[in-house]
């Protein structure tokens, strides 16, 4: 059920909106969006879609050293899941 909900968020067009928000340089919005992406990335199928979405991975790489600690934390969390996969759902 949870995985279906995550897929519906992505299939509903969230990724273009997320990328636009990350590109808009409004830190408060970027923090929330980066956290949402990180949360969604724990599903392997959704994680793959996020990684493959044009320009998303590059934008996350660009933000990983953000001066805003919350943005950096959330982005680095997502990039960690990209590299290591989600151990959370394998337990």
Protein backbone atom coordinates (compact mmCIF):
# COMPACT_ATOMS: atom_id res chain seq x y z
CA UNK A 1 0.00 0.00 0.00
CA UNK A 2 2.77 2.43 0.99
CA UNK A 3 4.78 1.69 -2.15
CA UNK A 4 1.67 2.25 -4.27
CA UNK A 5 1.13 5.64 -2.64
CA UNK A 6 4.73 6.65 -3.32
CA UNK A 7 4.42 5.60 -6.95
CA UNK A 8 1.21 7.61 -7.30
CA UNK A 9 3.00 10.72 -6.04
CA UNK A 10 5.70 10.29 -8.68
CA UNK A 11 3.27 9.26 -11.43
CA UNK A 12 1.16 12.30 -10.56
CA UNK A 13 3.92 14.60 -11.75
CA UNK A 14 5.83 15.44 -8.59
CA UNK A 15 9.35 15.24 -10.04
CA UNK A 16 9.11 18.21 -12.43
CA UNK A 17 7.62 20.29 -9.61
CA UNK A 18 10.34 19.18 -7.19
CA UNK A 19 13.07 20.06 -9.69
CA UNK A 20 11.56 23.48 -10.32
CA UNK A 21 11.47 24.19 -6.58
CA UNK A 22 15.08 23.07 -6.15
CA UNK A 23 16.08 25.37 -9.02
CA UNK A 24 14.20 28.39 -7.63
CA UNK A 25 16.70 29.07 -4.82
CA UNK A 26 14.19 29.64 -2.04
CA UNK A 27 15.87 27.85 0.91
CA UNK A 28 12.69 27.19 2.91
CA UNK A 29 11.08 25.49 -0.07
CA UNK A 30 14.28 23.65 -0.97
CA UNK A 31 14.55 22.17 2.54
CA UNK A 32 11.03 20.76 2.39
CA UNK A 33 11.42 19.50 -1.17
CA UNK A 34 14.79 17.88 -0.52
CA UNK A 35 13.29 16.15 2.53
CA UNK A 36 10.35 14.89 0.46
CA UNK A 37 12.70 13.53 -2.19
CA UNK A 38 14.79 11.83 0.49
CA UNK A 39 11.68 10.24 2.01
CA UNK A 40 10.44 9.05 -1.37
CA UNK A 41 13.83 7.60 -2.27
CA UNK A 42 13.47 4.82 0.31
CA UNK A 43 11.29 2.95 -2.15
CA UNK A 44 13.58 1.24 -4.66
CA UNK A 45 11.30 1.80 -7.66
CA UNK A 46 10.70 5.44 -6.84
CA UNK A 47 14.40 5.92 -6.11
CA UNK A 48 15.22 4.68 -9.59
CA UNK A 49 12.72 7.10 -11.12
CA UNK A 50 14.21 9.99 -9.17
CA UNK A 51 17.75 9.07 -10.26
CA UNK A 52 16.69 8.81 -13.89
CA UNK A 53 14.68 12.04 -13.99
CA UNK A 54 16.53 14.50 -16.25
CA UNK A 55 18.71 16.96 -14.33
CA UNK A 56 17.51 15.80 -10.88
CA UNK A 57 20.66 13.94 -9.87
CA UNK A 58 22.86 16.80 -11.06
CA UNK A 59 20.79 19.34 -9.13
CA UNK A 60 21.06 17.23 -5.99
CA UNK A 61 24.82 16.98 -6.50
CA UNK A 62 24.95 20.76 -6.87
CA UNK A 63 23.06 21.23 -3.59
CA UNK A 64 24.97 18.69 -1.50
CA UNK A 65 27.36 21.42 -0.32
CA UNK A 66 24.65 24.02 0.27
CA UNK A 67 25.35 26.65 2.91
CA UNK A 68 21.95 25.78 4.36
CA UNK A 69 22.63 22.83 6.66
CA UNK A 70 19.13 21.38 6.32
CA UNK A 71 19.27 21.41 2.53
CA UNK A 72 22.70 19.77 2.59
CA UNK A 73 21.56 17.15 5.12
CA UNK A 74 18.46 16.21 3.14
CA UNK A 75 20.25 16.14 -0.20
CA UNK A 76 23.14 14.09 1.17
CA UNK A 77 20.62 11.67 2.67
CA UNK A 78 19.07 11.18 -0.74
CA UNK A 79 22.45 10.73 -2.41
CA UNK A 80 23.38 8.16 0.23
CA UNK A 81 20.24 6.17 -0.57
CA UNK A 82 21.10 6.45 -4.27
CA UNK A 83 24.51 4.90 -3.59
CA UNK A 84 23.62 2.32 -0.95
CA UNK A 85 19.99 1.49 -1.65
CA UNK A 86 17.32 1.43 0.98
CA UNK A 87 18.22 -0.90 3.82
CA UNK A 88 15.15 0.34 5.72
CA UNK A 89 12.69 -1.70 3.70
CA UNK A 90 14.92 -4.80 3.63
CA UNK A 91 14.84 -5.39 7.38
